[in-house]
Amino acid sequence: MGKIIFYEDRNFQGRSYECMSDCSDMTSYLSRCTSCRVESGCFMVYDRPNYMGNQYFLRRGEYSDYNSFGMGDSIRSCRLIPQHRGSYRMRIHERENFQGQSHELMDDCDNIQDRYRMSDCMSCNVMDGHWLMYEQPHYRGRMVYLSPGEYRSMRDVGYSGMRLSSARRIMDSLQEHERHGHGSHGHEDRIHQTHHGFLLDRPENVIYKYE
């Protein structure tokens, strides 16, 4: 079960909309959305309706101002990421339509090209679990959310000419190995992520961004 509350204005002001599932068009409920609180679960949010445009991964925390991360003027749609218990499996292919050399992933991979000597990764089949794939090594650059299914081309999920270079499993706590103990408000999960020259290390500011 997941729950996210969207607000029209920064710092959780203005009208709000509570969401516990997918929403293909936020404008049905709010004229704009510039801050939110994720109370439970994990969500992907998009700056265009129908799960298109820039994609961002949000986990439990407070996000007081999207514009400060270069997100654009508003969130337009969101998708709840289902919880997954069990194994993770994804077969990646060097070419579209499952052609070229292939390899099976069962854990995170920070550099697909280096690990498997693949020139590219242009199609994949997600058998188990939910994944984030990134354009650059070490989980940076543009990202795409992949649920179980076949992806004959990245164009199937709205991207063309996108080279996928790293992959990460979406787990209950995406970065169990990056926890840093207790903060002033109790236990905090802190992820250090460089974004446009800023180090985002406060839980309320952590966001994974398609750049």
N, C-alpha and C. Protein backbone atom coordinates (compact mmCIF):
# COMPACT_ATOMS: atom_id res chain seq x y z
N MET A 1 0.84 -1.19 0.00
CA MET A 1 0.00 0.00 0.00
C MET A 1 0.88 1.24 0.00
N GLY A 2 0.55 2.21 -0.86
CA GLY A 2 1.29 3.45 -0.92
C GLY A 2 0.35 4.64 -0.79
N LYS A 3 0.92 5.75 -0.34
CA LYS A 3 0.12 6.96 -0.19
C LYS A 3 0.99 8.18 -0.43
N ILE A 4 0.53 9.06 -1.32
CA ILE A 4 1.24 10.30 -1.63
C ILE A 4 0.23 11.44 -1.65
N ILE A 5 0.62 12.57 -1.10
CA ILE A 5 -0.26 13.74 -1.06
C ILE A 5 0.40 14.85 -1.87
N PHE A 6 -0.29 15.32 -2.89
CA PHE A 6 0.20 16.38 -3.75
C PHE A 6 -0.40 17.72 -3.34
N TYR A 7 0.38 18.78 -3.48
CA TYR A 7 -0.06 20.14 -3.14
C TYR A 7 0.15 21.07 -4.32
N GLU A 8 -0.74 22.02 -4.46
CA GLU A 8 -0.63 22.96 -5.57
C GLU A 8 0.60 23.86 -5.46
N ASP A 9 0.90 24.29 -4.23
CA ASP A 9 1.96 25.27 -4.03
C ASP A 9 3.15 24.67 -3.30
N ARG A 10 4.22 25.43 -3.29
CA ARG A 10 5.42 25.00 -2.58
C ARG A 10 5.16 24.89 -1.09
N ASN A 11 6.03 24.12 -0.42
CA ASN A 11 5.97 23.98 1.04
C ASN A 11 4.62 23.48 1.53
N PHE A 12 4.00 22.62 0.72
CA PHE A 12 2.78 21.91 1.11
C PHE A 12 1.60 22.86 1.38
N GLN A 13 1.51 23.89 0.56
CA GLN A 13 0.44 24.87 0.69
C GLN A 13 -0.56 24.71 -0.45
N GLY A 14 -1.71 25.35 -0.29
CA GLY A 14 -2.73 25.33 -1.32
C GLY A 14 -3.56 24.05 -1.28
N ARG A 15 -4.36 23.87 -2.30
CA ARG A 15 -5.20 22.68 -2.39
C ARG A 15 -4.35 21.42 -2.46
N SER A 16 -4.90 20.31 -2.00
CA SER A 16 -4.15 19.06 -2.00
C SER A 16 -4.98 17.93 -2.59
N TYR A 17 -4.28 16.90 -3.01
CA TYR A 17 -4.93 15.70 -3.56
C TYR A 17 -4.19 14.48 -3.04
N GLU A 18 -4.92 13.59 -2.38
CA GLU A 18 -4.34 12.36 -1.82
C GLU A 18 -4.52 11.23 -2.80
N CYS A 19 -3.43 10.52 -3.08
CA CYS A 19 -3.45 9.47 -4.09
C CYS A 19 -2.86 8.19 -3.52
N MET A 20 -3.52 7.07 -3.81
CA MET A 20 -3.04 5.77 -3.33
C MET A 20 -2.92 4.76 -4.46
N SER A 21 -2.93 5.25 -5.70
CA SER A 21 -2.83 4.38 -6.86
C SER A 21 -2.29 5.18 -8.04
N ASP A 22 -2.34 4.62 -9.24
CA ASP A 22 -1.91 5.34 -10.43
C ASP A 22 -2.86 6.49 -10.73
N CYS A 23 -2.31 7.56 -11.29
CA CYS A 23 -3.13 8.69 -11.74
C CYS A 23 -2.55 9.17 -13.07
N SER A 24 -3.31 9.04 -14.14
CA SER A 24 -2.80 9.36 -15.48
C SER A 24 -2.84 10.85 -15.81
N ASP A 25 -3.62 11.62 -15.07
CA ASP A 25 -3.71 13.06 -15.36
C ASP A 25 -4.05 13.81 -14.09
N MET A 26 -3.06 14.43 -13.49
CA MET A 26 -3.26 15.16 -12.23
C MET A 26 -4.14 16.39 -12.40
N THR A 27 -4.22 16.93 -13.60
CA THR A 27 -4.99 18.16 -13.80
C THR A 27 -6.48 17.93 -13.57
N SER A 28 -6.90 16.68 -13.47
CA SER A 28 -8.29 16.40 -13.12
C SER A 28 -8.58 16.79 -11.67
N TYR A 29 -7.50 16.93 -10.86
CA TYR A 29 -7.68 17.19 -9.43
C TYR A 29 -7.02 18.49 -8.99
N LEU A 30 -5.87 18.84 -9.60
CA LEU A 30 -5.16 20.06 -9.24
C LEU A 30 -4.72 20.77 -10.50
N SER A 31 -4.77 22.10 -10.49
CA SER A 31 -4.34 22.85 -11.66
C SER A 31 -2.83 22.78 -11.85
N ARG A 32 -2.11 22.56 -10.76
CA ARG A 32 -0.66 22.39 -10.79
C ARG A 32 -0.26 21.61 -9.54
N CYS A 33 0.96 21.13 -9.53
CA CYS A 33 1.46 20.39 -8.37
C CYS A 33 2.93 20.68 -8.22
N THR A 34 3.32 21.35 -7.14
CA THR A 34 4.71 21.75 -6.97
C THR A 34 5.35 21.26 -5.67
N SER A 35 4.63 20.50 -4.85
CA SER A 35 5.24 19.86 -3.68
C SER A 35 4.42 18.63 -3.31
N CYS A 36 5.02 17.74 -2.53
CA CYS A 36 4.28 16.54 -2.12
C CYS A 36 4.92 15.89 -0.91
N ARG A 37 4.15 15.04 -0.26
CA ARG A 37 4.64 14.18 0.82
C ARG A 37 4.34 12.73 0.44
N VAL A 38 5.36 11.90 0.46
CA VAL A 38 5.15 10.48 0.27
C VAL A 38 5.09 9.86 1.66
N GLU A 39 3.91 9.42 2.07
CA GLU A 39 3.73 8.89 3.42
C GLU A 39 4.07 7.41 3.50
N SER A 40 3.92 6.69 2.41
CA SER A 40 4.29 5.28 2.39
C SER A 40 4.45 4.83 0.95
N GLY A 41 5.22 3.78 0.76
CA GLY A 41 5.41 3.23 -0.57
C GLY A 41 6.39 4.03 -1.42
N CYS A 42 6.48 3.62 -2.68
CA CYS A 42 7.35 4.27 -3.66
C CYS A 42 6.52 4.63 -4.89
N PHE A 43 6.82 5.76 -5.51
CA PHE A 43 6.09 6.24 -6.67
C PHE A 43 7.06 6.72 -7.74
N MET A 44 6.61 6.60 -9.00
CA MET A 44 7.23 7.32 -10.10
C MET A 44 6.31 8.48 -10.42
N VAL A 45 6.89 9.67 -10.61
CA VAL A 45 6.10 10.82 -11.02
C VAL A 45 6.64 11.33 -12.35
N TYR A 46 5.76 11.93 -13.14
CA TYR A 46 6.06 12.34 -14.51
C TYR A 46 5.62 13.78 -14.73
N ASP A 47 6.34 14.50 -15.59
CA ASP A 47 5.97 15.89 -15.84
C ASP A 47 5.04 16.05 -17.04
N ARG A 48 4.51 14.92 -17.55
CA ARG A 48 3.48 14.95 -18.59
C ARG A 48 2.38 13.95 -18.23
N PRO A 49 1.18 14.16 -18.73
CA PRO A 49 0.11 13.18 -18.48
C PRO A 49 0.44 11.82 -19.11
N ASN A 50 -0.29 10.80 -18.64
CA ASN A 50 -0.20 9.45 -19.20
C ASN A 50 1.20 8.85 -19.07
N TYR A 51 1.89 9.22 -17.98
CA TYR A 51 3.17 8.61 -17.62
C TYR A 51 4.23 8.85 -18.69
N MET A 52 4.24 10.04 -19.23
CA MET A 52 5.21 10.42 -20.25
C MET A 52 6.09 11.56 -19.73
N GLY A 53 7.14 11.85 -20.48
CA GLY A 53 8.03 12.95 -20.13
C GLY A 53 9.10 12.51 -19.13
N ASN A 54 9.66 13.47 -18.42
CA ASN A 54 10.69 13.18 -17.44
C ASN A 54 10.13 12.32 -16.32
N GLN A 55 10.90 11.34 -15.89
CA GLN A 55 10.48 10.43 -14.83
C GLN A 55 11.34 10.65 -13.59
N TYR A 56 10.70 10.54 -12.43
CA TYR A 56 11.40 10.73 -11.16
C TYR A 56 10.94 9.65 -10.19
N PHE A 57 11.86 9.11 -9.44
CA PHE A 57 11.55 8.14 -8.41
C PHE A 57 11.44 8.84 -7.05
N LEU A 58 10.35 8.61 -6.35
CA LEU A 58 10.15 9.20 -5.02
C LEU A 58 9.89 8.09 -4.02
N ARG A 59 10.55 8.17 -2.89
CA ARG A 59 10.26 7.26 -1.78
C ARG A 59 9.77 8.08 -0.59
N ARG A 60 9.56 7.42 0.54
CA ARG A 60 8.96 8.11 1.68
C ARG A 60 9.78 9.33 2.08
N GLY A 61 9.12 10.48 2.18
CA GLY A 61 9.79 11.71 2.54
C GLY A 61 8.99 12.92 2.10
N GLU A 62 9.56 14.09 2.29
CA GLU A 62 8.91 15.35 1.94
C GLU A 62 9.68 16.04 0.82
N TYR A 63 8.93 16.56 -0.14
CA TYR A 63 9.51 17.23 -1.31
C TYR A 63 8.83 18.59 -1.41
N SER A 64 9.49 19.61 -0.86
CA SER A 64 8.83 20.90 -0.65
C SER A 64 8.81 21.81 -1.88
N ASP A 65 9.65 21.52 -2.87
CA ASP A 65 9.68 22.41 -4.04
C ASP A 65 10.30 21.67 -5.22
N TYR A 66 9.49 21.19 -6.13
CA TYR A 66 10.00 20.48 -7.31
C TYR A 66 10.87 21.35 -8.18
N ASN A 67 10.53 22.62 -8.29
CA ASN A 67 11.25 23.49 -9.22
C ASN A 67 12.74 23.59 -8.87
N SER A 68 13.08 23.45 -7.60
CA SER A 68 14.48 23.56 -7.20
C SER A 68 15.32 22.42 -7.77
N PHE A 69 14.68 21.35 -8.23
CA PHE A 69 15.41 20.24 -8.83
C PHE A 69 15.32 20.26 -10.34
N GLY A 70 14.81 21.33 -10.90
CA GLY A 70 14.73 21.44 -12.35
C GLY A 70 13.67 20.55 -12.96
N MET A 71 12.63 20.27 -12.20
CA MET A 71 11.63 19.33 -12.65
C MET A 71 10.67 19.91 -13.66
N GLY A 72 10.63 21.21 -13.78
CA GLY A 72 9.63 21.82 -14.64
C GLY A 72 8.54 22.43 -13.78
N ASP A 73 7.45 22.78 -14.41
CA ASP A 73 6.45 23.55 -13.68
C ASP A 73 5.53 22.70 -12.81
N SER A 74 5.41 21.40 -13.09
CA SER A 74 4.41 20.64 -12.35
C SER A 74 4.53 19.14 -12.61
N ILE A 75 4.03 18.36 -11.66
CA ILE A 75 3.84 16.93 -11.89
C ILE A 75 2.49 16.75 -12.55
N ARG A 76 2.44 15.91 -13.58
CA ARG A 76 1.19 15.72 -14.33
C ARG A 76 0.60 14.32 -14.18
N SER A 77 1.41 13.33 -13.81
CA SER A 77 0.89 11.98 -13.61
C SER A 77 1.79 11.24 -12.64
N CYS A 78 1.28 10.16 -12.06
CA CYS A 78 2.08 9.37 -11.12
C CYS A 78 1.68 7.91 -11.21
N ARG A 79 2.63 7.07 -10.83
CA ARG A 79 2.39 5.63 -10.84
C ARG A 79 2.90 5.02 -9.53
N LEU A 80 2.04 4.25 -8.87
CA LEU A 80 2.43 3.54 -7.66
C LEU A 80 3.25 2.31 -8.05
N ILE A 81 4.41 2.15 -7.43
CA ILE A 81 5.24 0.99 -7.68
C ILE A 81 4.83 -0.12 -6.71
N PRO A 82 4.34 -1.23 -7.21
CA PRO A 82 3.89 -2.30 -6.31
C PRO A 82 5.04 -2.87 -5.49
N GLN A 83 4.73 -3.29 -4.28
CA GLN A 83 5.73 -3.98 -3.48
C GLN A 83 6.02 -5.33 -4.10
N HIS A 84 7.26 -5.75 -3.99
CA HIS A 84 7.66 -7.04 -4.56
C HIS A 84 8.45 -7.82 -3.54
N ARG A 85 8.03 -9.04 -3.28
CA ARG A 85 8.76 -9.95 -2.39
C ARG A 85 9.25 -11.12 -3.23
N GLY A 86 10.50 -11.36 -3.19
CA GLY A 86 11.02 -12.49 -3.94
C GLY A 86 12.22 -12.09 -4.78
N SER A 87 12.51 -12.89 -5.78
CA SER A 87 13.69 -12.70 -6.60
C SER A 87 13.49 -11.60 -7.63
N TYR A 88 14.59 -11.15 -8.19
CA TYR A 88 14.60 -10.16 -9.26
C TYR A 88 15.34 -10.77 -10.44
N ARG A 89 14.70 -10.70 -11.62
CA ARG A 89 15.34 -11.24 -12.82
C ARG A 89 14.98 -10.39 -14.03
N MET A 90 15.99 -10.06 -14.80
CA MET A 90 15.77 -9.31 -16.03
C MET A 90 16.83 -9.74 -17.04
N ARG A 91 16.40 -10.04 -18.26
CA ARG A 91 17.35 -10.38 -19.33
C ARG A 91 17.48 -9.17 -20.25
N ILE A 92 18.71 -8.70 -20.40
CA ILE A 92 18.99 -7.54 -21.24
C ILE A 92 19.61 -8.01 -22.55
N HIS A 93 19.30 -7.28 -23.63
CA HIS A 93 19.78 -7.64 -24.96
C HIS A 93 20.49 -6.43 -25.59
N GLU A 94 21.51 -6.74 -26.35
CA GLU A 94 22.33 -5.70 -26.95
C GLU A 94 21.58 -4.91 -28.01
N ARG A 95 20.66 -5.56 -28.72
CA ARG A 95 19.94 -4.91 -29.81
C ARG A 95 18.43 -4.94 -29.58
N GLU A 96 17.71 -4.20 -30.39
CA GLU A 96 16.25 -4.22 -30.33
C GLU A 96 15.72 -5.60 -30.70
N ASN A 97 14.47 -5.85 -30.28
CA ASN A 97 13.79 -7.11 -30.59
C ASN A 97 14.55 -8.33 -30.06
N PHE A 98 15.21 -8.14 -28.92
CA PHE A 98 15.89 -9.24 -28.22
C PHE A 98 16.99 -9.88 -29.06
N GLN A 99 17.67 -9.07 -29.84
CA GLN A 99 18.76 -9.55 -30.70
C GLN A 99 20.11 -9.23 -30.07
N GLY A 100 21.15 -9.85 -30.63
CA GLY A 100 22.50 -9.62 -30.12
C GLY A 100 22.76 -10.41 -28.86
N GLN A 101 23.92 -10.18 -28.26
CA GLN A 101 24.24 -10.92 -27.04
C GLN A 101 23.31 -10.51 -25.91
N SER A 102 23.10 -11.43 -24.96
CA SER A 102 22.18 -11.16 -23.86
C SER A 102 22.77 -11.67 -22.56
N HIS A 103 22.30 -11.08 -21.47
CA HIS A 103 22.75 -11.48 -20.14
C HIS A 103 21.58 -11.33 -19.17
N GLU A 104 21.57 -12.17 -18.15
CA GLU A 104 20.52 -12.11 -17.15
C GLU A 104 21.03 -11.41 -15.90
N LEU A 105 20.25 -10.42 -15.45
CA LEU A 105 20.57 -9.69 -14.22
C LEU A 105 19.69 -10.19 -13.09
N MET A 106 20.28 -10.35 -11.92
CA MET A 106 19.53 -10.71 -10.73
C MET A 106 19.83 -9.76 -9.57
N ASP A 107 20.73 -8.82 -9.82
CA ASP A 107 21.03 -7.81 -8.81
C ASP A 107 21.41 -6.51 -9.52
N ASP A 108 21.77 -5.50 -8.77
CA ASP A 108 22.12 -4.20 -9.34
C ASP A 108 23.38 -4.31 -10.20
N CYS A 109 23.44 -3.48 -11.21
CA CYS A 109 24.62 -3.42 -12.08
C CYS A 109 24.94 -1.96 -12.36
N ASP A 110 26.10 -1.49 -11.88
CA ASP A 110 26.41 -0.06 -12.02
C ASP A 110 27.05 0.30 -13.35
N ASN A 111 27.45 -0.73 -14.14
CA ASN A 111 28.00 -0.44 -15.46
C ASN A 111 27.82 -1.67 -16.35
N ILE A 112 26.77 -1.66 -17.14
CA ILE A 112 26.45 -2.81 -17.99
C ILE A 112 27.53 -3.04 -19.03
N GLN A 113 28.04 -1.97 -19.63
CA GLN A 113 29.03 -2.12 -20.68
C GLN A 113 30.33 -2.73 -20.15
N ASP A 114 30.77 -2.30 -18.99
CA ASP A 114 32.01 -2.83 -18.43
C ASP A 114 31.85 -4.26 -17.95
N ARG A 115 30.73 -4.55 -17.29
CA ARG A 115 30.56 -5.89 -16.73
C ARG A 115 30.38 -6.95 -17.80
N TYR A 116 29.59 -6.63 -18.82
CA TYR A 116 29.24 -7.66 -19.80
C TYR A 116 29.87 -7.43 -21.18
N ARG A 117 30.65 -6.36 -21.33
CA ARG A 117 31.26 -6.03 -22.61
C ARG A 117 30.23 -5.90 -23.72
N MET A 118 29.09 -5.33 -23.38
CA MET A 118 28.04 -5.07 -24.37
C MET A 118 28.19 -3.66 -24.90
N SER A 119 28.02 -3.47 -26.18
CA SER A 119 28.14 -2.14 -26.76
C SER A 119 26.94 -1.27 -26.43
N ASP A 120 25.80 -1.90 -26.17
CA ASP A 120 24.58 -1.16 -25.88
C ASP A 120 23.59 -2.10 -25.22
N CYS A 121 22.49 -1.56 -24.74
CA CYS A 121 21.39 -2.35 -24.20
C CYS A 121 20.10 -1.73 -24.72
N MET A 122 19.48 -2.35 -25.72
CA MET A 122 18.38 -1.72 -26.44
C MET A 122 17.04 -2.41 -26.28
N SER A 123 17.02 -3.56 -25.62
CA SER A 123 15.75 -4.25 -25.34
C SER A 123 15.94 -5.12 -24.11
N CYS A 124 14.84 -5.50 -23.48
CA CYS A 124 14.96 -6.33 -22.28
C CYS A 124 13.65 -7.03 -21.98
N ASN A 125 13.74 -8.04 -21.16
CA ASN A 125 12.58 -8.78 -20.68
C ASN A 125 12.67 -8.84 -19.17
N VAL A 126 11.76 -8.15 -18.49
CA VAL A 126 11.73 -8.16 -17.03
C VAL A 126 10.85 -9.31 -16.58
N MET A 127 11.46 -10.32 -15.97
CA MET A 127 10.71 -11.48 -15.53
C MET A 127 10.19 -11.32 -14.11
N ASP A 128 11.01 -10.78 -13.22
CA ASP A 128 10.62 -10.65 -11.81
C ASP A 128 11.08 -9.32 -11.25
N GLY A 129 10.23 -8.69 -10.46
CA GLY A 129 10.59 -7.47 -9.77
C GLY A 129 10.41 -6.23 -10.62
N HIS A 130 10.68 -5.10 -10.00
CA HIS A 130 10.58 -3.79 -10.64
C HIS A 130 11.96 -3.14 -10.62
N TRP A 131 12.30 -2.48 -11.72
CA TRP A 131 13.66 -1.99 -11.93
C TRP A 131 13.67 -0.53 -12.37
N LEU A 132 14.78 0.14 -12.10
CA LEU A 132 15.11 1.43 -12.69
C LEU A 132 16.34 1.22 -13.56
N MET A 133 16.28 1.72 -14.78
CA MET A 133 17.45 1.69 -15.66
C MET A 133 17.86 3.12 -15.99
N TYR A 134 19.17 3.32 -16.10
CA TYR A 134 19.73 4.66 -16.26
C TYR A 134 20.57 4.75 -17.52
N GLU A 135 20.59 5.93 -18.07
CA GLU A 135 21.34 6.16 -19.30
C GLU A 135 22.85 6.12 -19.08
N GLN A 136 23.30 6.52 -17.90
CA GLN A 136 24.72 6.58 -17.62
C GLN A 136 25.11 5.54 -16.56
N PRO A 137 26.38 5.17 -16.53
CA PRO A 137 26.83 4.26 -15.46
C PRO A 137 26.62 4.88 -14.08
N HIS A 138 26.63 4.02 -13.06
CA HIS A 138 26.54 4.44 -11.67
C HIS A 138 25.22 5.15 -11.36
N TYR A 139 24.16 4.72 -12.07
CA TYR A 139 22.79 5.16 -11.77
C TYR A 139 22.62 6.68 -11.91
N ARG A 140 23.10 7.21 -13.01
CA ARG A 140 22.99 8.65 -13.27
C ARG A 140 22.35 8.89 -14.64
N GLY A 141 21.97 10.13 -14.85
CA GLY A 141 21.38 10.52 -16.12
C GLY A 141 19.90 10.17 -16.21
N ARG A 142 19.39 10.11 -17.42
CA ARG A 142 17.97 9.82 -17.63
C ARG A 142 17.64 8.44 -17.10
N MET A 143 16.45 8.30 -16.55
CA MET A 143 16.05 7.03 -15.99
C MET A 143 14.72 6.58 -16.58
N VAL A 144 14.48 5.28 -16.50
CA VAL A 144 13.22 4.72 -16.95
C VAL A 144 12.81 3.62 -15.97
N TYR A 145 11.54 3.60 -15.63
CA TYR A 145 10.97 2.59 -14.74
C TYR A 145 10.47 1.42 -15.58
N LEU A 146 10.84 0.20 -15.20
CA LEU A 146 10.43 -1.00 -15.92
C LEU A 146 9.74 -1.97 -14.96
N SER A 147 8.49 -2.29 -15.25
CA SER A 147 7.74 -3.31 -14.52
C SER A 147 7.84 -4.62 -15.30
N PRO A 148 7.41 -5.74 -14.73
CA PRO A 148 7.51 -7.01 -15.46
C PRO A 148 6.85 -6.95 -16.83
N GLY A 149 7.57 -7.43 -17.84
CA GLY A 149 7.05 -7.42 -19.20
C GLY A 149 8.18 -7.42 -20.21
N GLU A 150 7.81 -7.45 -21.48
CA GLU A 150 8.78 -7.44 -22.56
C GLU A 150 8.89 -6.04 -23.16
N TYR A 151 10.12 -5.61 -23.40
CA TYR A 151 10.39 -4.30 -23.97
C TYR A 151 11.28 -4.51 -25.19
N ARG A 152 10.65 -4.58 -26.36
CA ARG A 152 11.39 -4.84 -27.59
C ARG A 152 12.27 -3.67 -28.00
N SER A 153 11.93 -2.49 -27.51
CA SER A 153 12.73 -1.30 -27.79
C SER A 153 12.43 -0.28 -26.70
N MET A 154 13.42 0.55 -26.38
CA MET A 154 13.15 1.61 -25.40
C MET A 154 12.13 2.61 -25.92
N ARG A 155 11.87 2.57 -27.22
CA ARG A 155 10.80 3.41 -27.75
C ARG A 155 9.44 2.98 -27.21
N ASP A 156 9.35 1.73 -26.74
CA ASP A 156 8.10 1.25 -26.16
C ASP A 156 7.73 2.02 -24.90
N VAL A 157 8.72 2.59 -24.23
CA VAL A 157 8.46 3.35 -23.01
C VAL A 157 8.74 4.83 -23.20
N GLY A 158 8.73 5.26 -24.45
CA GLY A 158 8.79 6.69 -24.74
C GLY A 158 10.17 7.26 -24.99
N TYR A 159 11.19 6.42 -25.13
CA TYR A 159 12.53 6.93 -25.35
C TYR A 159 13.08 6.42 -26.67
N SER A 160 13.74 7.29 -27.38
CA SER A 160 14.42 6.88 -28.62
C SER A 160 15.87 7.34 -28.52
N GLY A 161 16.77 6.48 -28.97
CA GLY A 161 18.18 6.80 -28.93
C GLY A 161 18.75 6.84 -27.53
N MET A 162 18.09 6.18 -26.59
CA MET A 162 18.57 6.17 -25.22
C MET A 162 19.41 4.93 -24.98
N ARG A 163 20.62 5.11 -24.55
CA ARG A 163 21.52 4.00 -24.25
C ARG A 163 21.45 3.73 -22.76
N LEU A 164 21.11 2.52 -22.39
CA LEU A 164 20.99 2.16 -20.99
C LEU A 164 22.31 1.58 -20.50
N SER A 165 22.84 2.13 -19.42
CA SER A 165 24.17 1.76 -18.97
C SER A 165 24.24 1.22 -17.55
N SER A 166 23.17 1.34 -16.77
CA SER A 166 23.16 0.77 -15.43
C SER A 166 21.73 0.43 -15.03
N ALA A 167 21.60 -0.50 -14.08
CA ALA A 167 20.28 -0.99 -13.68
C ALA A 167 20.26 -1.21 -12.17
N ARG A 168 19.12 -0.90 -11.57
CA ARG A 168 18.98 -1.02 -10.12
C ARG A 168 17.61 -1.56 -9.78
N ARG A 169 17.56 -2.50 -8.85
CA ARG A 169 16.30 -3.05 -8.38
C ARG A 169 15.58 -2.04 -7.50
N ILE A 170 14.26 -1.96 -7.62
CA ILE A 170 13.47 -1.15 -6.70
C ILE A 170 13.02 -2.07 -5.58
N MET A 171 13.56 -1.84 -4.40
CA MET A 171 13.25 -2.66 -3.24
C MET A 171 12.47 -1.83 -2.23
N ASP A 172 12.00 -2.47 -1.16
CA ASP A 172 11.22 -1.75 -0.15
C ASP A 172 11.97 -0.53 0.33
N SER A 173 13.27 -0.69 0.54
CA SER A 173 14.13 0.45 0.79
C SER A 173 15.20 0.38 -0.29
N LEU A 174 15.10 1.26 -1.27
CA LEU A 174 15.92 1.15 -2.47
C LEU A 174 17.40 1.06 -2.16
N GLN A 175 17.83 1.75 -1.12
CA GLN A 175 19.26 1.79 -0.82
C GLN A 175 19.54 1.29 0.60
N GLU A 176 19.20 0.03 0.89
CA GLU A 176 19.47 -0.51 2.22
C GLU A 176 20.94 -0.33 2.60
N HIS A 177 21.82 -0.51 1.63
CA HIS A 177 23.25 -0.46 1.93
C HIS A 177 23.77 0.96 2.07
N GLU A 178 22.90 1.99 1.87
CA GLU A 178 23.35 3.37 1.98
C GLU A 178 22.73 4.08 3.16
N ARG A 179 22.18 3.33 4.13
CA ARG A 179 21.63 3.96 5.31
C ARG A 179 22.77 4.53 6.16
N HIS A 180 22.47 5.64 6.84
CA HIS A 180 23.51 6.32 7.60
C HIS A 180 23.09 6.60 9.04
N GLY A 181 22.27 5.75 9.61
CA GLY A 181 21.99 5.89 11.04
C GLY A 181 20.87 6.83 11.37
N HIS A 182 20.98 7.54 12.50
CA HIS A 182 19.90 8.33 13.07
C HIS A 182 20.17 9.81 12.92
N GLY A 183 19.10 10.54 12.68
CA GLY A 183 19.18 11.99 12.58
C GLY A 183 18.36 12.63 13.68
N SER A 184 18.12 13.92 13.57
CA SER A 184 17.42 14.64 14.61
C SER A 184 15.97 14.23 14.72
N HIS A 185 15.42 13.59 13.69
CA HIS A 185 14.03 13.19 13.73
C HIS A 185 13.91 11.68 13.70
N GLY A 186 14.91 10.96 14.30
CA GLY A 186 14.86 9.51 14.31
C GLY A 186 15.62 8.94 13.13
N HIS A 187 15.35 7.68 12.83
CA HIS A 187 16.11 7.00 11.77
C HIS A 187 15.85 7.64 10.42
N GLU A 188 16.92 7.88 9.67
CA GLU A 188 16.81 8.51 8.36
C GLU A 188 17.55 7.68 7.34
N ASP A 189 16.98 7.53 6.17
CA ASP A 189 17.67 6.93 5.03
C ASP A 189 18.22 8.06 4.20
N ARG A 190 19.54 8.12 4.10
CA ARG A 190 20.15 9.22 3.35
C ARG A 190 20.84 8.67 2.12
N ILE A 191 20.56 9.25 1.00
CA ILE A 191 21.21 8.87 -0.24
C ILE A 191 21.95 10.09 -0.76
N HIS A 192 23.23 9.95 -1.01
CA HIS A 192 24.02 11.06 -1.53
C HIS A 192 23.99 11.02 -3.04
N GLN A 193 23.42 12.03 -3.63
CA GLN A 193 23.25 12.07 -5.08
C GLN A 193 23.64 13.45 -5.58
N THR A 194 24.56 13.51 -6.53
CA THR A 194 24.97 14.79 -7.10
C THR A 194 24.00 15.19 -8.20
N HIS A 195 23.51 16.42 -8.14
CA HIS A 195 22.56 16.91 -9.15
C HIS A 195 22.85 18.36 -9.44
N HIS A 196 23.33 18.65 -10.65
CA HIS A 196 23.66 20.01 -11.07
C HIS A 196 24.56 20.71 -10.06
N GLY A 197 25.55 19.99 -9.53
CA GLY A 197 26.53 20.59 -8.65
C GLY A 197 26.13 20.61 -7.20
N PHE A 198 24.94 20.16 -6.83
CA PHE A 198 24.51 20.15 -5.44
C PHE A 198 24.53 18.72 -4.91
N LEU A 199 24.92 18.56 -3.64
CA LEU A 199 24.88 17.25 -3.00
C LEU A 199 23.60 17.16 -2.19
N LEU A 200 22.72 16.27 -2.60
CA LEU A 200 21.43 16.12 -1.94
C LEU A 200 21.55 15.04 -0.88
N ASP A 201 21.68 15.44 0.39
CA ASP A 201 21.88 14.45 1.42
C ASP A 201 20.86 14.57 2.55
N ARG A 202 19.82 15.36 2.35
CA ARG A 202 18.76 15.47 3.34
C ARG A 202 17.59 14.63 2.87
N PRO A 203 16.98 13.84 3.76
CA PRO A 203 15.90 12.94 3.32
C PRO A 203 14.77 13.65 2.61
N GLU A 204 14.46 14.88 3.06
CA GLU A 204 13.34 15.57 2.43
C GLU A 204 13.68 16.08 1.04
N ASN A 205 14.96 16.05 0.68
CA ASN A 205 15.38 16.58 -0.61
C ASN A 205 15.80 15.50 -1.60
N VAL A 206 15.83 14.24 -1.16
CA VAL A 206 16.32 13.20 -2.04
C VAL A 206 15.35 12.93 -3.16
N ILE A 207 15.86 12.95 -4.38
CA ILE A 207 15.02 12.67 -5.54
C ILE A 207 15.91 12.10 -6.63
N TYR A 208 15.41 11.09 -7.32
CA TYR A 208 16.11 10.55 -8.47
C TYR A 208 15.52 11.16 -9.71
N LYS A 209 16.34 11.72 -10.55
CA LYS A 209 15.85 12.55 -11.64
C LYS A 209 16.33 12.06 -12.99
N TYR A 210 15.41 12.13 -13.95
CA TYR A 210 15.75 11.96 -15.37
C TYR A 210 16.21 13.32 -15.82
N GLU A 211 17.51 13.42 -16.18
CA GLU A 211 18.07 14.73 -16.52
C GLU A 211 18.00 14.98 -18.01
